[in-house]
Amino acid sequence: MPKQSRSGDPGDEQVIYDNLRGVPVLYVNGAAEKRTLDVEALKARKADLTVLDEAGSALAPSEATRKAVATWIG
């Protein structure tokens, strides 16, 4: 499966959430990116969503965040 990174606003209309139904999704919410994230709206559109908050950048996560991602994958 190819790795995909999307830099647009999370939850915008460009994401076809119906394609993701039944697929677990992890969103790393990096504070450094300063995006506004409406978790409830995302969950309403994509039921199997896990949000992991990162104090720094989602693109350069801390060791603790990397471990949390590995745990989530496992």
PDB file of N, CA and C in Angstrom:
ATOM      1  N   MET A   1       0.838  -1.165   0.000  1.00  0.00           N
ATOM      2  CA  MET A   1       0.000   0.000   0.000  1.00  0.00           C
ATOM      3  C   MET A   1       0.892   1.241   0.000  1.00  0.00           C
ATOM      4  N   PRO A   2       0.680   2.169  -0.937  1.00  0.00           N
ATOM      5  CA  PRO A   2       1.538   3.352  -0.983  1.00  0.00           C
ATOM      6  C   PRO A   2       1.276   4.288   0.186  1.00  0.00           C
ATOM      7  N   LYS A   3       2.333   4.934   0.643  1.00  0.00           N
ATOM      8  CA  LYS A   3       2.220   5.913   1.717  1.00  0.00           C
ATOM      9  C   LYS A   3       1.710   7.213   1.102  1.00  0.00           C
ATOM     10  N   GLN A   4       0.747   7.816   1.747  1.00  0.00           N
ATOM     11  CA  GLN A   4       0.219   9.064   1.227  1.00  0.00           C
ATOM     12  C   GLN A   4       0.166  10.097   2.330  1.00  0.00           C
ATOM     13  N   SER A   5       0.642  11.273   2.029  1.00  0.00           N
ATOM     14  CA  SER A   5       0.577  12.381   2.955  1.00  0.00           C
ATOM     15  C   SER A   5      -0.189  13.492   2.259  1.00  0.00           C
ATOM     16  N   ARG A   6      -1.106  14.086   2.969  1.00  0.00           N
ATOM     17  CA  ARG A   6      -1.951  15.117   2.398  1.00  0.00           C
ATOM     18  C   ARG A   6      -1.817  16.354   3.266  1.00  0.00           C
ATOM     19  N   SER A   7      -1.494  17.482   2.660  1.00  0.00           N
ATOM     20  CA  SER A   7      -1.241  18.661   3.468  1.00  0.00           C
ATOM     21  C   SER A   7      -2.424  19.618   3.523  1.00  0.00           C
ATOM     22  N   GLY A   8      -3.552  19.257   2.949  1.00  0.00           N
ATOM     23  CA  GLY A   8      -4.729  20.118   3.013  1.00  0.00           C
ATOM     24  C   GLY A   8      -5.368  20.075   4.389  1.00  0.00           C
ATOM     25  N   ASP A   9      -6.364  20.913   4.571  1.00  0.00           N
ATOM     26  CA  ASP A   9      -7.067  20.931   5.846  1.00  0.00           C
ATOM     27  C   ASP A   9      -7.760  19.602   6.084  1.00  0.00           C
ATOM     28  N   PRO A  10      -7.634  19.048   7.293  1.00  0.00           N
ATOM     29  CA  PRO A  10      -8.286  17.767   7.574  1.00  0.00           C
ATOM     30  C   PRO A  10      -9.793  17.913   7.550  1.00  0.00           C
ATOM     31  N   GLY A  11     -10.432  16.963   6.908  1.00  0.00           N
ATOM     32  CA  GLY A  11     -11.886  16.951   6.891  1.00  0.00           C
ATOM     33  C   GLY A  11     -12.505  17.771   5.788  1.00  0.00           C
ATOM     34  N   ASP A  12     -11.695  18.316   4.867  1.00  0.00           N
ATOM     35  CA  ASP A  12     -12.305  19.121   3.813  1.00  0.00           C
ATOM     36  C   ASP A  12     -13.044  18.226   2.819  1.00  0.00           C
ATOM     37  N   GLU A  13     -13.728  18.837   1.904  1.00  0.00           N
ATOM     38  CA  GLU A  13     -14.595  18.103   0.972  1.00  0.00           C
ATOM     39  C   GLU A  13     -13.831  17.305  -0.075  1.00  0.00           C
ATOM     40  N   GLN A  14     -12.513  17.471  -0.161  1.00  0.00           N
ATOM     41  CA  GLN A  14     -11.723  16.738  -1.149  1.00  0.00           C
ATOM     42  C   GLN A  14     -11.501  15.276  -0.759  1.00  0.00           C
ATOM     43  N   VAL A  15     -11.691  14.954   0.501  1.00  0.00           N
ATOM     44  CA  VAL A  15     -11.493  13.581   0.961  1.00  0.00           C
ATOM     45  C   VAL A  15     -12.792  12.796   0.763  1.00  0.00           C
ATOM     46  N   ILE A  16     -12.705  11.674   0.098  1.00  0.00           N
ATOM     47  CA  ILE A  16     -13.883  10.834  -0.135  1.00  0.00           C
ATOM     48  C   ILE A  16     -13.947   9.815   0.997  1.00  0.00           C
ATOM     49  N   TYR A  17     -14.642  10.182   2.061  1.00  0.00           N
ATOM     50  CA  TYR A  17     -14.671   9.360   3.266  1.00  0.00           C
ATOM     51  C   TYR A  17     -15.392   8.037   3.066  1.00  0.00           C
ATOM     52  N   ASP A  18     -16.326   7.975   2.133  1.00  0.00           N
ATOM     53  CA  ASP A  18     -17.015   6.704   1.895  1.00  0.00           C
ATOM     54  C   ASP A  18     -16.041   5.607   1.496  1.00  0.00           C
ATOM     55  N   ASN A  19     -14.932   5.972   0.868  1.00  0.00           N
ATOM     56  CA  ASN A  19     -13.916   4.980   0.493  1.00  0.00           C
ATOM     57  C   ASN A  19     -13.176   4.441   1.710  1.00  0.00           C
ATOM     58  N   LEU A  20     -13.282   5.133   2.838  1.00  0.00           N
ATOM     59  CA  LEU A  20     -12.547   4.740   4.032  1.00  0.00           C
ATOM     60  C   LEU A  20     -13.415   4.038   5.064  1.00  0.00           C
ATOM     61  N   ARG A  21     -14.694   3.872   4.804  1.00  0.00           N
ATOM     62  CA  ARG A  21     -15.568   3.199   5.771  1.00  0.00           C
ATOM     63  C   ARG A  21     -15.025   1.805   6.067  1.00  0.00           C
ATOM     64  N   GLY A  22     -14.907   1.495   7.338  1.00  0.00           N
ATOM     65  CA  GLY A  22     -14.414   0.188   7.754  1.00  0.00           C
ATOM     66  C   GLY A  22     -12.897   0.082   7.789  1.00  0.00           C
ATOM     67  N   VAL A  23     -12.199   1.147   7.402  1.00  0.00           N
ATOM     68  CA  VAL A  23     -10.741   1.158   7.415  1.00  0.00           C
ATOM     69  C   VAL A  23     -10.287   2.056   8.563  1.00  0.00           C
ATOM     70  N   PRO A  24      -9.533   1.519   9.514  1.00  0.00           N
ATOM     71  CA  PRO A  24      -9.047   2.360  10.609  1.00  0.00           C
ATOM     72  C   PRO A  24      -8.139   3.473  10.081  1.00  0.00           C
ATOM     73  N   VAL A  25      -8.346   4.681  10.576  1.00  0.00           N
ATOM     74  CA  VAL A  25      -7.554   5.839  10.151  1.00  0.00           C
ATOM     75  C   VAL A  25      -6.946   6.495  11.386  1.00  0.00           C
ATOM     76  N   LEU A  26      -5.651   6.785  11.304  1.00  0.00           N
ATOM     77  CA  LEU A  26      -4.951   7.500  12.363  1.00  0.00           C
ATOM     78  C   LEU A  26      -4.599   8.880  11.833  1.00  0.00           C
ATOM     79  N   TYR A  27      -4.968   9.915  12.585  1.00  0.00           N
ATOM     80  CA  TYR A  27      -4.621  11.291  12.233  1.00  0.00           C
ATOM     81  C   TYR A  27      -3.689  11.825  13.311  1.00  0.00           C
ATOM     82  N   VAL A  28      -2.472  12.204  12.906  1.00  0.00           N
ATOM     83  CA  VAL A  28      -1.523  12.797  13.846  1.00  0.00           C
ATOM     84  C   VAL A  28      -1.709  14.309  13.764  1.00  0.00           C
ATOM     85  N   ASN A  29      -2.208  14.878  14.842  1.00  0.00           N
ATOM     86  CA  ASN A  29      -2.552  16.297  14.901  1.00  0.00           C
ATOM     87  C   ASN A  29      -1.368  17.080  15.465  1.00  0.00           C
ATOM     88  N   GLY A  30      -0.511  17.568  14.571  1.00  0.00           N
ATOM     89  CA  GLY A  30       0.677  18.302  14.987  1.00  0.00           C
ATOM     90  C   GLY A  30       0.369  19.749  15.327  1.00  0.00           C
ATOM     91  N   ALA A  31       0.706  20.161  16.548  1.00  0.00           N
ATOM     92  CA  ALA A  31       0.439  21.531  16.990  1.00  0.00           C
ATOM     93  C   ALA A  31       1.218  22.546  16.163  1.00  0.00           C
ATOM     94  N   ALA A  32       2.408  22.179  15.690  1.00  0.00           N
ATOM     95  CA  ALA A  32       3.235  23.110  14.923  1.00  0.00           C
ATOM     96  C   ALA A  32       2.578  23.506  13.605  1.00  0.00           C
ATOM     97  N   GLU A  33       1.734  22.646  13.062  1.00  0.00           N
ATOM     98  CA  GLU A  33       1.069  22.956  11.800  1.00  0.00           C
ATOM     99  C   GLU A  33      -0.072  23.965  11.984  1.00  0.00           C
ATOM    100  N   LYS A  34      -0.511  24.128  13.230  1.00  0.00           N
ATOM    101  CA  LYS A  34      -1.547  25.111  13.583  1.00  0.00           C
ATOM    102  C   LYS A  34      -2.817  24.976  12.738  1.00  0.00           C
ATOM    103  N   ARG A  35      -3.238  23.741  12.545  1.00  0.00           N
ATOM    104  CA  ARG A  35      -4.481  23.501  11.824  1.00  0.00           C
ATOM    105  C   ARG A  35      -5.623  23.442  12.826  1.00  0.00           C
ATOM    106  N   THR A  36      -6.767  23.872  12.403  1.00  0.00           N
ATOM    107  CA  THR A  36      -7.942  23.702  13.242  1.00  0.00           C
ATOM    108  C   THR A  36      -8.538  22.355  12.880  1.00  0.00           C
ATOM    109  N   LEU A  37      -8.819  21.563  13.870  1.00  0.00           N
ATOM    110  CA  LEU A  37      -9.320  20.216  13.652  1.00  0.00           C
ATOM    111  C   LEU A  37     -10.620  20.037  14.403  1.00  0.00           C
ATOM    112  N   ASP A  38     -11.686  19.786  13.674  1.00  0.00           N
ATOM    113  CA  ASP A  38     -12.982  19.504  14.273  1.00  0.00           C
ATOM    114  C   ASP A  38     -13.115  17.986  14.351  1.00  0.00           C
ATOM    115  N   VAL A  39     -12.661  17.426  15.464  1.00  0.00           N
ATOM    116  CA  VAL A  39     -12.640  15.970  15.633  1.00  0.00           C
ATOM    117  C   VAL A  39     -14.034  15.375  15.496  1.00  0.00           C
ATOM    118  N   GLU A  40     -15.017  16.015  16.080  1.00  0.00           N
ATOM    119  CA  GLU A  40     -16.377  15.472  16.015  1.00  0.00           C
ATOM    120  C   GLU A  40     -16.908  15.444  14.585  1.00  0.00           C
ATOM    121  N   ALA A  41     -16.598  16.467  13.805  1.00  0.00           N
ATOM    122  CA  ALA A  41     -17.028  16.479  12.401  1.00  0.00           C
ATOM    123  C   ALA A  41     -16.336  15.375  11.616  1.00  0.00           C
ATOM    124  N   LEU A  42     -15.040  15.175  11.887  1.00  0.00           N
ATOM    125  CA  LEU A  42     -14.332  14.091  11.213  1.00  0.00           C
ATOM    126  C   LEU A  42     -14.900  12.737  11.604  1.00  0.00           C
ATOM    127  N   LYS A  43     -15.167  12.546  12.883  1.00  0.00           N
ATOM    128  CA  LYS A  43     -15.725  11.272  13.328  1.00  0.00           C
ATOM    129  C   LYS A  43     -17.107  11.040  12.738  1.00  0.00           C
ATOM    130  N   ALA A  44     -17.871  12.103  12.550  1.00  0.00           N
ATOM    131  CA  ALA A  44     -19.194  11.966  11.948  1.00  0.00           C
ATOM    132  C   ALA A  44     -19.086  11.508  10.489  1.00  0.00           C
ATOM    133  N   ARG A  45     -18.015  11.909   9.828  1.00  0.00           N
ATOM    134  CA  ARG A  45     -17.825  11.550   8.417  1.00  0.00           C
ATOM    135  C   ARG A  45     -17.059  10.247   8.252  1.00  0.00           C
ATOM    136  N   LYS A  46     -16.257   9.881   9.226  1.00  0.00           N
ATOM    137  CA  LYS A  46     -15.427   8.671   9.163  1.00  0.00           C
ATOM    138  C   LYS A  46     -15.417   8.037  10.535  1.00  0.00           C
ATOM    139  N   ALA A  47     -16.180   6.984  10.724  1.00  0.00           N
ATOM    140  CA  ALA A  47     -16.440   6.436  12.049  1.00  0.00           C
ATOM    141  C   ALA A  47     -15.202   5.873  12.753  1.00  0.00           C
ATOM    142  N   ASP A  48     -14.297   5.226  12.045  1.00  0.00           N
ATOM    143  CA  ASP A  48     -13.175   4.542  12.682  1.00  0.00           C
ATOM    144  C   ASP A  48     -11.924   5.424  12.668  1.00  0.00           C
ATOM    145  N   LEU A  49     -11.999   6.548  13.390  1.00  0.00           N
ATOM    146  CA  LEU A  49     -10.930   7.537  13.393  1.00  0.00           C
ATOM    147  C   LEU A  49     -10.282   7.615  14.767  1.00  0.00           C
ATOM    148  N   THR A  50      -8.947   7.588  14.788  1.00  0.00           N
ATOM    149  CA  THR A  50      -8.178   7.810  16.001  1.00  0.00           C
ATOM    150  C   THR A  50      -7.337   9.059  15.781  1.00  0.00           C
ATOM    151  N   VAL A  51      -7.380   9.988  16.736  1.00  0.00           N
ATOM    152  CA  VAL A  51      -6.583  11.212  16.647  1.00  0.00           C
ATOM    153  C   VAL A  51      -5.488  11.150  17.703  1.00  0.00           C
ATOM    154  N   LEU A  52      -4.261  11.366  17.274  1.00  0.00           N
ATOM    155  CA  LEU A  52      -3.106  11.376  18.159  1.00  0.00           C
ATOM    156  C   LEU A  52      -2.535  12.787  18.154  1.00  0.00           C
ATOM    157  N   ASP A  53      -2.546  13.464  19.302  1.00  0.00           N
ATOM    158  CA  ASP A  53      -2.032  14.826  19.395  1.00  0.00           C
ATOM    159  C   ASP A  53      -0.521  14.812  19.566  1.00  0.00           C
ATOM    160  N   GLU A  54       0.141  15.635  18.771  1.00  0.00           N
ATOM    161  CA  GLU A  54       1.600  15.785  18.800  1.00  0.00           C
ATOM    162  C   GLU A  54       1.910  17.238  19.141  1.00  0.00           C
ATOM    163  N   ALA A  55       2.749  17.464  20.149  1.00  0.00           N
ATOM    164  CA  ALA A  55       3.080  18.827  20.570  1.00  0.00           C
ATOM    165  C   ALA A  55       3.884  19.580  19.506  1.00  0.00           C
ATOM    166  N   GLY A  56       4.651  18.869  18.710  1.00  0.00           N
ATOM    167  CA  GLY A  56       5.457  19.489  17.658  1.00  0.00           C
ATOM    168  C   GLY A  56       4.793  19.313  16.301  1.00  0.00           C
ATOM    169  N   SER A  57       5.592  18.918  15.330  1.00  0.00           N
ATOM    170  CA  SER A  57       5.110  18.742  13.966  1.00  0.00           C
ATOM    171  C   SER A  57       4.714  17.291  13.711  1.00  0.00           C
ATOM    172  N   ALA A  58       3.619  17.107  13.009  1.00  0.00           N
ATOM    173  CA  ALA A  58       3.201  15.762  12.609  1.00  0.00           C
ATOM    174  C   ALA A  58       4.193  15.170  11.602  1.00  0.00           C
ATOM    175  N   LEU A  59       4.925  16.033  10.914  1.00  0.00           N
ATOM    176  CA  LEU A  59       5.887  15.569   9.922  1.00  0.00           C
ATOM    177  C   LEU A  59       7.230  15.188  10.529  1.00  0.00           C
ATOM    178  N   ALA A  60       7.455  15.589  11.779  1.00  0.00           N
ATOM    179  CA  ALA A  60       8.673  15.226  12.513  1.00  0.00           C
ATOM    180  C   ALA A  60       8.263  14.931  13.952  1.00  0.00           C
ATOM    181  N   PRO A  61       7.527  13.847  14.148  1.00  0.00           N
ATOM    182  CA  PRO A  61       6.970  13.563  15.478  1.00  0.00           C
ATOM    183  C   PRO A  61       8.033  13.176  16.501  1.00  0.00           C
ATOM    184  N   SER A  62       7.676  13.377  17.752  1.00  0.00           N
ATOM    185  CA  SER A  62       8.553  13.007  18.859  1.00  0.00           C
ATOM    186  C   SER A  62       8.667  11.483  18.958  1.00  0.00           C
ATOM    187  N   GLU A  63       9.625  11.047  19.738  1.00  0.00           N
ATOM    188  CA  GLU A  63       9.801   9.605  19.964  1.00  0.00           C
ATOM    189  C   GLU A  63       8.541   9.005  20.574  1.00  0.00           C
ATOM    190  N   ALA A  64       7.914   9.706  21.511  1.00  0.00           N
ATOM    191  CA  ALA A  64       6.698   9.196  22.143  1.00  0.00           C
ATOM    192  C   ALA A  64       5.572   9.044  21.119  1.00  0.00           C
ATOM    193  N   THR A  65       5.452  10.005  20.209  1.00  0.00           N
ATOM    194  CA  THR A  65       4.422   9.911  19.174  1.00  0.00           C
ATOM    195  C   THR A  65       4.720   8.778  18.215  1.00  0.00           C
ATOM    196  N   ARG A  66       5.996   8.606  17.848  1.00  0.00           N
ATOM    197  CA  ARG A  66       6.348   7.487  16.963  1.00  0.00           C
ATOM    198  C   ARG A  66       6.019   6.151  17.621  1.00  0.00           C
ATOM    199  N   LYS A  67       6.257   6.043  18.910  1.00  0.00           N
ATOM    200  CA  LYS A  67       5.910   4.809  19.628  1.00  0.00           C
ATOM    201  C   LYS A  67       4.396   4.598  19.660  1.00  0.00           C
ATOM    202  N   ALA A  68       3.654   5.693  19.849  1.00  0.00           N
ATOM    203  CA  ALA A  68       2.195   5.590  19.868  1.00  0.00           C
ATOM    204  C   ALA A  68       1.663   5.165  18.492  1.00  0.00           C
ATOM    205  N   VAL A  69       2.265   5.665  17.432  1.00  0.00           N
ATOM    206  CA  VAL A  69       1.870   5.263  16.080  1.00  0.00           C
ATOM    207  C   VAL A  69       2.161   3.777  15.881  1.00  0.00           C
ATOM    208  N   ALA A  70       3.344   3.326  16.310  1.00  0.00           N
ATOM    209  CA  ALA A  70       3.695   1.906  16.175  1.00  0.00           C
ATOM    210  C   ALA A  70       2.736   1.030  16.959  1.00  0.00           C
ATOM    211  N   THR A  71       2.355   1.487  18.139  1.00  0.00           N
ATOM    212  CA  THR A  71       1.379   0.736  18.951  1.00  0.00           C
ATOM    213  C   THR A  71       0.041   0.673  18.242  1.00  0.00           C
ATOM    214  N   TRP A  72      -0.399   1.783  17.675  1.00  0.00           N
ATOM    215  CA  TRP A  72      -1.676   1.828  16.959  1.00  0.00           C
ATOM    216  C   TRP A  72      -1.651   0.875  15.759  1.00  0.00           C
ATOM    217  N   ILE A  73      -0.533   0.862  15.041  1.00  0.00           N
ATOM    218  CA  ILE A  73      -0.415  -0.026  13.879  1.00  0.00           C
ATOM    219  C   ILE A  73      -0.478  -1.490  14.324  1.00  0.00           C
ATOM    220  N   GLY A  74       0.171  -1.785  15.466  1.00  0.00           N
ATOM    221  CA  GLY A  74       0.218  -3.152  15.961  1.00  0.00           C
ATOM    222  C   GLY A  74      -1.115  -3.626  16.417  1.00  0.00           C
TER     223      GLY A  74
END
